Amino acid sequence: MNFCVRFPSCVAHMKITDILSTGKVTVSCEVFPPKADAPLENSQKIIREIAELKPSFMSVTYGAGGTTQENTVKIADEIQNVNNITALAHLTCIGSNKENIAQVLNELKSHNITNILALRGDFPENWPSTDPGEYRYASELTEAILQSGDFCVGGACYPEGHTEAKSLQSDIEYLKVKVDSGCSFLTTQMFFDNNILYNFMFRMLKNGVDVPVVAGIMPVTNARQLARIHTLSNATVPPRFRAIVDRFADNADAMKQAGIAYATEQIIDLVANGITHINIYTMNKPDIAGRIMSNLSEIFK
């Protein structure tokens, strides 16, 4: 029996900023909760298998329009208080009001979860309006979170610019507002060309944004996945990666292997160039995260 289960004094619940300040390479994994009416058992198995890989922390998404709000808290609790991995809970403006947000924050406090990724969130399909709710921006949500307790708050950033941004410069200017509101670290949207991130980091520093950045890596293991990613984020697909997808799209095993290899090479290049904080978008697939981390076992030491 794991004697740390349900005993908070045993649980690793460090602030993310402390984890990122150790000077070591860190690797985190993102999972998403089941739908509101789905059982938790399968998610618990996924979390356990990813936790066995010993990531630096695990983040759990919130769901479009806050639709998995209740399960997000449950999964964050499972990550941290059952599996002994620091949890980072996502929280969004869309689909929530101040009362809802306050309730979720109280639930997180009750589970000793102190790390939150504050997001405006994406509007789900058929959403009746473009009004995110009482908190319009992630910066407003960040301020509210920090006023309500001893939380460590992170935010999202977009190496190629947010899809709604008027320009790359305006996107960076808003990012500075977000950091000035209290975001103490940033996690990037997925990207497939490392040069895009390096250019983005330069523009950030030039504009006075200087907080730890966690690079988000998405292992693409099937061609349909790539098409959906491009539709949602407009992420640039380099010719080299496009050739890989075109060549192996009809061979599931080969595409999976090639996607893992490409993500592995991306991470090696990032670490070699001083980007030492990596987040793997696992898509709830422990085997893929495990193979990447095995490929990089010495680099992640």
Protein backbone atom coordinates (compact mmCIF):
# COMPACT_ATOMS: atom_id res chain seq x y z
CA MET A 1 0.00 0.00 0.00
CA ASN A 2 1.22 3.52 -0.77
CA PHE A 3 1.25 5.23 2.64
CA CYS A 4 1.35 8.68 1.01
CA VAL A 5 -2.16 8.18 -0.36
CA ARG A 6 -4.46 10.79 1.16
CA PHE A 7 -1.84 12.11 3.56
CA PRO A 8 -1.08 15.68 2.40
CA SER A 9 2.19 15.87 4.34
CA CYS A 10 3.58 13.18 2.02
CA VAL A 11 2.35 14.74 -1.18
CA ALA A 12 4.66 16.59 -3.57
CA HIS A 13 2.74 19.86 -3.92
CA MET A 14 5.47 22.31 -4.85
CA LYS A 15 4.72 25.57 -6.57
CA ILE A 16 5.41 25.27 -10.31
CA THR A 17 7.75 28.26 -10.11
CA ASP A 18 9.87 26.38 -7.56
CA ILE A 19 10.00 23.33 -9.81
CA LEU A 20 11.09 25.49 -12.75
CA SER A 21 13.79 27.25 -10.75
CA THR A 22 15.89 24.19 -9.87
CA GLY A 23 18.19 24.60 -12.88
CA LYS A 24 17.35 21.09 -14.08
CA VAL A 25 15.54 19.97 -17.22
CA THR A 26 11.86 19.51 -16.36
CA VAL A 27 9.25 17.54 -18.24
CA SER A 28 5.54 17.77 -17.52
CA CYS A 29 2.56 15.97 -19.04
CA GLU A 30 -0.91 17.27 -19.84
CA VAL A 31 -4.01 15.10 -19.52
CA PHE A 32 -7.67 15.87 -20.03
CA PRO A 33 -10.56 14.73 -17.81
CA PRO A 34 -13.38 12.47 -18.97
CA LYS A 35 -16.67 13.97 -20.06
CA ALA A 36 -18.98 15.00 -17.25
CA ASP A 37 -21.11 11.85 -17.47
CA ALA A 38 -18.23 9.39 -18.01
CA PRO A 39 -16.74 7.19 -15.27
CA LEU A 40 -13.39 8.18 -13.78
CA GLU A 41 -11.89 4.68 -13.70
CA ASN A 42 -10.22 4.86 -17.12
CA SER A 43 -8.79 8.30 -16.38
CA GLN A 44 -7.45 7.04 -13.06
CA LYS A 45 -5.59 4.28 -14.91
CA ILE A 46 -4.15 6.79 -17.42
CA ILE A 47 -3.03 9.10 -14.63
CA ARG A 48 -1.40 6.24 -12.73
CA GLU A 49 0.53 5.11 -15.80
CA ILE A 50 1.75 8.63 -16.61
CA ALA A 51 2.60 9.28 -12.95
CA GLU A 52 4.82 6.19 -13.03
CA LEU A 53 6.95 8.04 -15.59
CA LYS A 54 7.78 10.56 -12.83
CA PRO A 55 7.02 13.83 -14.66
CA SER A 56 7.96 17.06 -12.89
CA PHE A 57 4.24 17.90 -12.70
CA MET A 58 1.00 17.06 -14.50
CA SER A 59 -1.58 19.50 -15.80
CA VAL A 60 -5.25 18.79 -16.36
CA THR A 61 -7.39 20.70 -18.85
CA TYR A 62 -10.75 22.30 -18.18
CA GLY A 63 -12.77 21.43 -21.26
CA ALA A 64 -14.50 23.68 -23.80
CA GLY A 65 -16.85 26.07 -22.05
CA GLY A 66 -15.95 24.62 -18.66
CA THR A 67 -17.90 21.45 -19.46
CA THR A 68 -15.58 19.19 -17.44
CA GLN A 69 -15.16 21.58 -14.52
CA GLU A 70 -16.13 19.07 -11.82
CA ASN A 71 -13.94 16.31 -13.22
CA THR A 72 -10.99 18.68 -13.62
CA VAL A 73 -10.86 19.13 -9.84
CA LYS A 74 -11.29 15.39 -9.29
CA ILE A 75 -8.48 14.55 -11.73
CA ALA A 76 -6.17 17.18 -10.22
CA ASP A 77 -6.87 15.65 -6.81
CA GLU A 78 -6.12 12.19 -8.20
CA ILE A 79 -2.82 13.39 -9.68
CA GLN A 80 -1.58 15.11 -6.55
CA ASN A 81 -3.15 13.43 -3.56
CA VAL A 82 -3.22 9.84 -4.82
CA ASN A 83 -0.29 9.65 -7.24
CA ASN A 84 2.05 12.09 -5.50
CA ILE A 85 2.72 14.30 -8.55
CA THR A 86 2.30 18.07 -8.37
CA ALA A 87 -0.93 19.03 -10.15
CA LEU A 88 -1.57 22.08 -12.33
CA ALA A 89 -5.30 22.69 -12.79
CA HIS A 90 -6.56 24.67 -15.79
CA LEU A 91 -9.23 27.30 -15.18
CA THR A 92 -11.05 29.25 -17.90
CA CYS A 93 -13.15 32.39 -18.19
CA ILE A 94 -15.53 30.95 -20.79
CA GLY A 95 -18.63 29.34 -19.36
CA SER A 96 -17.96 30.61 -15.84
CA ASN A 97 -18.99 33.52 -13.67
CA LYS A 98 -17.39 34.92 -10.54
CA GLU A 99 -19.44 32.65 -8.31
CA ASN A 100 -18.42 29.53 -10.27
CA ILE A 101 -14.77 30.53 -10.23
CA ALA A 102 -14.85 31.17 -6.47
CA GLN A 103 -16.42 27.75 -5.93
CA VAL A 104 -13.74 25.98 -7.99
CA LEU A 105 -10.97 27.87 -6.18
CA ASN A 106 -12.40 26.78 -2.83
CA GLU A 107 -12.52 23.17 -4.04
CA LEU A 108 -8.89 23.37 -5.18
CA LYS A 109 -7.87 24.83 -1.83
CA SER A 110 -9.64 22.02 -0.01
CA HIS A 111 -7.50 19.52 -1.95
CA ASN A 112 -4.31 21.51 -1.31
CA ILE A 113 -3.92 22.25 -5.05
CA THR A 114 -2.17 25.59 -5.41
CA ASN A 115 -1.08 25.66 -9.08
CA ILE A 116 -3.48 27.01 -11.71
CA LEU A 117 -3.16 27.75 -15.42
CA ALA A 118 -5.43 30.75 -16.04
CA LEU A 119 -6.96 30.85 -19.53
CA ARG A 120 -9.64 32.74 -21.34
CA GLY A 121 -10.45 29.47 -23.08
CA ASP A 122 -11.68 28.59 -26.56
CA PHE A 123 -15.30 29.07 -27.51
CA PRO A 124 -16.86 25.64 -28.09
CA GLU A 125 -18.80 24.87 -31.24
CA ASN A 126 -22.31 26.39 -31.31
CA TRP A 127 -21.50 28.67 -28.38
CA PRO A 128 -24.33 31.25 -28.32
CA SER A 129 -22.11 34.34 -27.97
CA THR A 130 -18.55 35.63 -28.09
CA ASP A 131 -18.78 36.82 -24.48
CA PRO A 132 -16.52 34.68 -22.29
CA GLY A 133 -18.31 35.63 -19.08
CA GLU A 134 -17.68 37.97 -16.17
CA TYR A 135 -13.93 37.58 -16.57
CA ARG A 136 -13.15 38.68 -20.12
CA TYR A 137 -9.43 38.00 -20.19
CA ALA A 138 -6.94 35.63 -18.60
CA SER A 139 -5.28 38.65 -16.96
CA GLU A 140 -8.52 39.47 -15.09
CA LEU A 141 -8.89 35.84 -14.04
CA THR A 142 -5.27 35.78 -12.85
CA GLU A 143 -5.81 38.79 -10.61
CA ALA A 144 -8.94 37.23 -9.12
CA ILE A 145 -7.16 33.94 -8.41
CA LEU A 146 -4.26 35.66 -6.67
CA GLN A 147 -6.64 37.73 -4.57
CA SER A 148 -8.38 34.59 -3.35
CA GLY A 149 -5.43 32.67 -1.94
CA ASP A 150 -1.82 31.56 -2.07
CA PHE A 151 -1.90 30.26 -5.63
CA CYS A 152 0.85 29.99 -8.23
CA VAL A 153 -0.67 31.12 -11.53
CA GLY A 154 0.60 30.43 -15.02
CA GLY A 155 -0.69 31.48 -18.42
CA ALA A 156 -0.67 30.41 -22.04
CA CYS A 157 1.45 31.93 -24.80
CA TYR A 158 1.39 31.54 -28.55
CA PRO A 159 4.72 31.39 -30.44
CA GLU A 160 2.92 32.10 -33.73
CA GLY A 161 0.49 34.59 -32.19
CA HIS A 162 -3.02 33.94 -30.92
CA THR A 163 -5.45 33.29 -33.77
CA GLU A 164 -7.47 36.37 -32.73
CA ALA A 165 -4.48 38.71 -32.33
CA LYS A 166 -4.24 41.67 -34.70
CA SER A 167 -0.49 41.24 -35.02
CA LEU A 168 2.44 39.44 -33.45
CA GLN A 169 3.40 42.65 -31.66
CA SER A 170 -0.06 43.19 -30.20
CA ASP A 171 -0.06 39.58 -29.02
CA ILE A 172 3.24 40.14 -27.16
CA GLU A 173 1.88 43.36 -25.65
CA TYR A 174 -1.13 41.50 -24.30
CA LEU A 175 1.17 38.78 -23.00
CA LYS A 176 3.01 41.42 -20.99
CA VAL A 177 -0.30 42.54 -19.48
CA LYS A 178 -0.96 38.94 -18.52
CA VAL A 179 2.45 38.57 -16.85
CA ASP A 180 2.12 41.94 -15.12
CA SER A 181 -1.22 40.78 -13.71
CA GLY A 182 0.59 37.99 -11.85
CA CYS A 183 1.30 35.09 -14.23
CA SER A 184 4.62 33.73 -13.00
CA PHE A 185 5.26 31.21 -15.80
CA LEU A 186 3.99 30.53 -19.31
CA THR A 187 3.20 27.38 -21.27
CA THR A 188 3.30 27.54 -25.06
CA GLN A 189 0.78 26.31 -27.52
CA MET A 190 2.10 23.42 -29.60
CA PHE A 191 4.56 24.20 -32.39
CA PHE A 192 6.47 22.05 -34.85
CA ASP A 193 9.28 24.38 -35.89
CA ASN A 194 11.68 25.22 -33.06
CA ASN A 195 12.92 28.34 -34.84
CA ILE A 196 9.46 29.82 -34.34
CA LEU A 197 9.84 29.41 -30.58
CA TYR A 198 13.36 30.86 -30.55
CA ASN A 199 12.14 33.95 -32.42
CA PHE A 200 9.19 34.25 -30.06
CA MET A 201 11.45 34.05 -27.00
CA PHE A 202 13.61 36.84 -28.42
CA ARG A 203 10.55 39.06 -28.98
CA MET A 204 9.30 38.31 -25.47
CA LEU A 205 12.57 39.39 -23.85
CA LYS A 206 12.78 42.45 -26.10
CA ASN A 207 9.37 43.52 -24.80
CA GLY A 208 10.19 42.95 -21.14
CA VAL A 209 8.48 39.58 -20.67
CA ASP A 210 10.91 37.51 -18.61
CA VAL A 211 9.30 34.56 -16.84
CA PRO A 212 9.97 30.82 -17.22
CA VAL A 213 8.54 29.37 -20.42
CA VAL A 214 7.44 25.74 -20.74
CA ALA A 215 7.60 24.55 -24.35
CA GLY A 216 4.52 22.56 -25.38
CA ILE A 217 5.28 19.55 -27.58
CA MET A 218 2.53 17.60 -29.32
CA PRO A 219 3.51 14.13 -30.60
CA VAL A 220 1.49 13.72 -33.80
CA THR A 221 0.86 10.04 -34.36
CA ASN A 222 -1.80 10.09 -37.08
CA ALA A 223 -2.55 12.32 -40.05
CA ARG A 224 -6.11 13.19 -38.93
CA GLN A 225 -4.69 14.55 -35.70
CA LEU A 226 -2.43 16.93 -37.62
CA ALA A 227 -5.31 18.21 -39.75
CA ARG A 228 -7.37 19.01 -36.65
CA ILE A 229 -4.41 20.72 -34.95
CA HIS A 230 -3.86 22.94 -37.96
CA THR A 231 -7.56 23.87 -38.08
CA LEU A 232 -7.66 24.83 -34.40
CA SER A 233 -4.31 26.56 -34.00
CA ASN A 234 -2.91 27.37 -37.46
CA ALA A 235 0.39 25.90 -36.28
CA THR A 236 2.98 25.94 -39.06
CA VAL A 237 3.88 22.50 -40.36
CA PRO A 238 7.48 22.51 -41.66
CA PRO A 239 8.08 20.79 -45.02
CA ARG A 240 10.19 18.12 -43.30
CA PHE A 241 7.34 17.16 -40.99
CA ARG A 242 4.77 17.40 -43.78
CA ALA A 243 6.84 14.91 -45.80
CA ILE A 244 6.86 12.51 -42.84
CA VAL A 245 3.08 12.69 -42.47
CA ASP A 246 2.50 12.30 -46.22
CA ARG A 247 4.83 9.30 -46.37
CA PHE A 248 3.48 7.38 -43.37
CA ALA A 249 -0.15 8.53 -43.11
CA ASP A 250 -1.50 5.17 -44.30
CA ASN A 251 0.73 3.07 -42.03
CA ALA A 252 -0.50 3.54 -38.46
CA ASP A 253 2.48 1.91 -36.75
CA ALA A 254 5.03 3.74 -38.88
CA MET A 255 3.26 7.08 -38.39
CA LYS A 256 3.19 6.56 -34.64
CA GLN A 257 6.91 5.74 -34.59
CA ALA A 258 7.76 8.69 -36.84
CA GLY A 259 5.65 11.10 -34.76
CA ILE A 260 7.38 10.02 -31.57
CA ALA A 261 10.79 10.35 -33.26
CA TYR A 262 9.98 13.87 -34.50
CA ALA A 263 8.81 15.00 -31.06
CA THR A 264 11.94 13.47 -29.52
CA GLU A 265 14.20 15.36 -31.95
CA GLN A 266 12.34 18.60 -31.24
CA ILE A 267 12.95 18.22 -27.52
CA ILE A 268 16.64 17.38 -27.97
CA ASP A 269 17.11 20.52 -30.07
CA LEU A 270 15.21 22.65 -27.53
CA VAL A 271 17.27 21.45 -24.58
CA ALA A 272 20.51 21.87 -26.55
CA ASN A 273 19.52 25.50 -27.16
CA GLY A 274 18.70 26.30 -23.56
CA ILE A 275 14.93 25.62 -23.46
CA THR A 276 14.89 23.31 -20.46
CA HIS A 277 11.19 23.13 -19.56
CA ILE A 278 9.13 20.77 -21.72
CA ASN A 279 5.43 19.93 -21.59
CA ILE A 280 4.16 16.88 -23.48
CA TYR A 281 0.58 17.06 -24.70
CA THR A 282 -0.12 13.36 -24.09
CA MET A 283 -3.69 13.20 -25.45
CA ASN A 284 -4.20 10.70 -22.59
CA LYS A 285 -1.83 8.18 -24.20
CA PRO A 286 0.69 7.03 -21.58
CA ASP A 287 2.51 4.75 -24.03
CA ILE A 288 3.43 7.67 -26.30
CA ALA A 289 4.61 9.82 -23.39
CA GLY A 290 6.52 6.83 -22.05
CA ARG A 291 8.36 6.20 -25.31
CA ILE A 292 9.41 9.84 -25.59
CA MET A 293 10.64 9.92 -22.02
CA SER A 294 12.49 6.65 -22.52
CA ASN A 295 14.19 8.09 -25.60
CA LEU A 296 15.31 11.05 -23.48
CA SER A 297 16.04 9.28 -20.19
CA GLU A 298 19.57 10.62 -19.88
CA ILE A 299 18.62 14.13 -21.05
CA PHE A 300 15.81 14.32 -18.50
CA LYS A 301 18.06 13.28 -15.58
